[in-house]
C-alpha atoms as a PDB file:
ATOM      1  CA  MET A   1      71.257 150.616  49.965  1.00  0.00           C
ATOM      2  CA  ALA A   2      68.871 149.651  52.744  1.00  0.00           C
ATOM      3  CA  ILE A   3      69.717 149.075  56.361  1.00  0.00           C
ATOM      4  CA  ARG A   4      67.753 146.416  58.292  1.00  0.00           C
ATOM      5  CA  VAL A   5      68.283 147.702  61.748  1.00  0.00           C
ATOM      6  CA  PRO A   6      65.173 146.169  63.353  1.00  0.00           C
ATOM      7  CA  ARG A   7      66.056 142.570  62.212  1.00  0.00           C
ATOM      8  CA  VAL A   8      69.665 142.971  63.415  1.00  0.00           C
ATOM      9  CA  LEU A   9      68.533 144.335  66.750  1.00  0.00           C
ATOM     10  CA  GLN A  10      65.950 141.541  67.123  1.00  0.00           C
ATOM     11  CA  SER A  11      68.497 138.859  66.435  1.00  0.00           C
ATOM     12  CA  SER A  12      71.083 140.535  68.699  1.00  0.00           C
ATOM     13  CA  LYS A  13      68.531 140.736  71.529  1.00  0.00           C
ATOM     14  CA  GLN A  14      67.760 137.053  71.099  1.00  0.00           C
ATOM     15  CA  ILE A  15      71.384 136.116  71.334  1.00  0.00           C
ATOM     16  CA  LEU A  16      71.933 138.303  74.373  1.00  0.00           C
ATOM     17  CA  ARG A  17      68.770 136.939  76.052  1.00  0.00           C
ATOM     18  CA  GLN A  18      70.109 133.395  75.609  1.00  0.00           C
ATOM     19  CA  ALA A  19      73.456 134.391  77.139  1.00  0.00           C
ATOM     20  CA  LYS A  20      71.699 136.093  80.066  1.00  0.00           C
ATOM     21  CA  MET A  21      69.533 133.006  80.674  1.00  0.00           C
ATOM     22  CA  LEU A  22      72.596 130.858  80.898  1.00  0.00           C
ATOM     23  CA  SER A  23      74.501 133.294  83.092  1.00  0.00           C
ATOM     24  CA  SER A  24      71.553 133.696  85.532  1.00  0.00           C
ATOM     25  CA  SER A  25      71.447 129.977  86.325  1.00  0.00           C
ATOM     26  CA  SER A  26      71.598 129.347  90.064  1.00  0.00           C
ATOM     27  CA  SER A  27      74.193 126.539  89.938  1.00  0.00           C
ATOM     28  CA  SER A  28      77.545 126.622  88.159  1.00  0.00           C
ATOM     29  CA  SER A  29      76.984 123.108  86.734  1.00  0.00           C
ATOM     30  CA  SER A  30      73.834 124.190  84.868  1.00  0.00           C
ATOM     31  CA  TYR A  31      75.736 127.225  83.564  1.00  0.00           C
ATOM     32  CA  LEU A  32      78.290 124.945  81.935  1.00  0.00           C
ATOM     33  CA  GLU A  33      75.677 122.781  80.266  1.00  0.00           C
ATOM     34  CA  VAL A  34      75.095 123.412  76.615  1.00  0.00           C
ATOM     35  CA  PRO A  35      71.851 122.184  74.940  1.00  0.00           C
ATOM     36  CA  LYS A  36      72.122 119.498  72.310  1.00  0.00           C
ATOM     37  CA  GLY A  37      72.780 121.026  68.874  1.00  0.00           C
ATOM     38  CA  TYR A  38      74.616 124.053  70.324  1.00  0.00           C
ATOM     39  CA  LEU A  39      78.225 124.893  71.286  1.00  0.00           C
ATOM     40  CA  ALA A  40      79.639 127.393  73.667  1.00  0.00           C
ATOM     41  CA  VAL A  41      82.039 130.064  72.395  1.00  0.00           C
ATOM     42  CA  TYR A  42      83.919 132.741  74.310  1.00  0.00           C
ATOM     43  CA  VAL A  43      84.104 136.069  72.511  1.00  0.00           C
ATOM     44  CA  GLY A  44      86.075 139.214  73.292  1.00  0.00           C
ATOM     45  CA  GLU A  45      89.375 140.944  72.948  1.00  0.00           C
ATOM     46  CA  ARG A  46      90.074 141.515  76.640  1.00  0.00           C
ATOM     47  CA  LYS A  47      87.132 140.341  78.744  1.00  0.00           C
ATOM     48  CA  MET A  48      85.581 137.118  77.370  1.00  0.00           C
ATOM     49  CA  LYS A  49      81.811 136.713  77.229  1.00  0.00           C
ATOM     50  CA  ARG A  50      80.220 133.332  76.733  1.00  0.00           C
ATOM     51  CA  PHE A  51      77.725 132.731  73.948  1.00  0.00           C
ATOM     52  CA  VAL A  52      75.822 129.568  73.103  1.00  0.00           C
ATOM     53  CA  VAL A  53      75.315 129.237  69.301  1.00  0.00           C
ATOM     54  CA  PRO A  54      73.743 126.603  67.112  1.00  0.00           C
ATOM     55  CA  ILE A  55      76.159 124.090  65.543  1.00  0.00           C
ATOM     56  CA  SER A  56      74.715 125.039  62.134  1.00  0.00           C
ATOM     57  CA  TYR A  57      76.970 128.118  62.326  1.00  0.00           C
ATOM     58  CA  LEU A  58      79.915 125.779  61.687  1.00  0.00           C
ATOM     59  CA  ASN A  59      78.782 125.368  58.087  1.00  0.00           C
ATOM     60  CA  GLN A  60      78.776 129.109  57.384  1.00  0.00           C
ATOM     61  CA  PRO A  61      81.787 130.603  55.575  1.00  0.00           C
ATOM     62  CA  SER A  62      81.881 133.755  57.719  1.00  0.00           C
ATOM     63  CA  PHE A  63      81.877 131.698  60.918  1.00  0.00           C
ATOM     64  CA  GLN A  64      84.563 129.389  59.508  1.00  0.00           C
ATOM     65  CA  ASP A  65      86.693 132.479  58.894  1.00  0.00           C
ATOM     66  CA  LEU A  66      86.418 133.336  62.624  1.00  0.00           C
ATOM     67  CA  LEU A  67      87.383 129.800  63.491  1.00  0.00           C
ATOM     68  CA  ARG A  68      90.510 130.034  61.340  1.00  0.00           C
ATOM     69  CA  ARG A  69      91.413 133.283  63.054  1.00  0.00           C
ATOM     70  CA  ALA A  70      90.858 131.625  66.438  1.00  0.00           C
ATOM     71  CA  GLU A  71      93.114 128.693  65.417  1.00  0.00           C
ATOM     72  CA  GLU A  72      95.890 131.066  64.350  1.00  0.00           C
ATOM     73  CA  GLU A  73      95.722 133.087  67.590  1.00  0.00           C
ATOM     74  CA  PHE A  74      94.976 130.401  70.178  1.00  0.00           C
ATOM     75  CA  GLY A  75      95.652 127.051  68.504  1.00  0.00           C
ATOM     76  CA  PHE A  76      93.596 124.222  69.913  1.00  0.00           C
ATOM     77  CA  ASP A  77      94.377 124.858  73.569  1.00  0.00           C
ATOM     78  CA  HIS A  78      91.438 126.869  74.907  1.00  0.00           C
ATOM     79  CA  PRO A  79      92.013 127.989  78.537  1.00  0.00           C
ATOM     80  CA  MET A  80      88.346 128.948  78.962  1.00  0.00           C
ATOM     81  CA  GLY A  81      87.251 125.339  78.351  1.00  0.00           C
ATOM     82  CA  GLY A  82      85.350 126.252  75.168  1.00  0.00           C
ATOM     83  CA  LEU A  83      86.051 127.715  71.819  1.00  0.00           C
ATOM     84  CA  THR A  84      87.656 131.220  72.088  1.00  0.00           C
ATOM     85  CA  ILE A  85      87.003 133.628  69.239  1.00  0.00           C
ATOM     86  CA  PRO A  86      89.295 136.664  68.946  1.00  0.00           C
ATOM     87  CA  CYS A  87      86.920 139.459  67.913  1.00  0.00           C
ATOM     88  CA  SER A  88      84.877 142.129  69.669  1.00  0.00           C
ATOM     89  CA  GLU A  89      81.442 141.308  71.015  1.00  0.00           C
ATOM     90  CA  GLU A  90      79.839 143.806  68.619  1.00  0.00           C
ATOM     91  CA  ILE A  91      81.325 142.092  65.532  1.00  0.00           C
ATOM     92  CA  PHE A  92      80.270 138.627  66.800  1.00  0.00           C
ATOM     93  CA  ILE A  93      76.748 139.773  67.575  1.00  0.00           C
ATOM     94  CA  ASP A  94      76.476 141.409  64.095  1.00  0.00           C
ATOM     95  CA  LEU A  95      77.734 138.206  62.451  1.00  0.00           C
ATOM     96  CA  ALA A  96      75.412 135.970  64.501  1.00  0.00           C
ATOM     97  CA  SER A  97      72.436 138.171  63.679  1.00  0.00           C
ATOM     98  CA  ARG A  98      73.124 137.791  59.957  1.00  0.00           C
ATOM     99  CA  LEU A  99      73.461 133.981  60.280  1.00  0.00           C
ATOM    100  CA  ASN A 100      70.054 133.686  61.980  1.00  0.00           C
END
């Protein structure tokens, strides 16, 4: 059983870098913009953090499972203005790194 820590860390760093780039935008309107082919998701159990992920994730069974959990917990009314996913940041980053 091998552990691929470098690949997971590299993908995680890429996801976090994208989130930081979006959060460091000078104007709030540019922060809310999502590039074509991506969608914004809010992840967290208490404090929500915004991630921008490719729409190709929507075809992945593991991401679809998270979406079902989000629907059960929040329904289709998302107070953050985007898709809210009820899991820890660590779990989401791990999943996203495996999907890349």
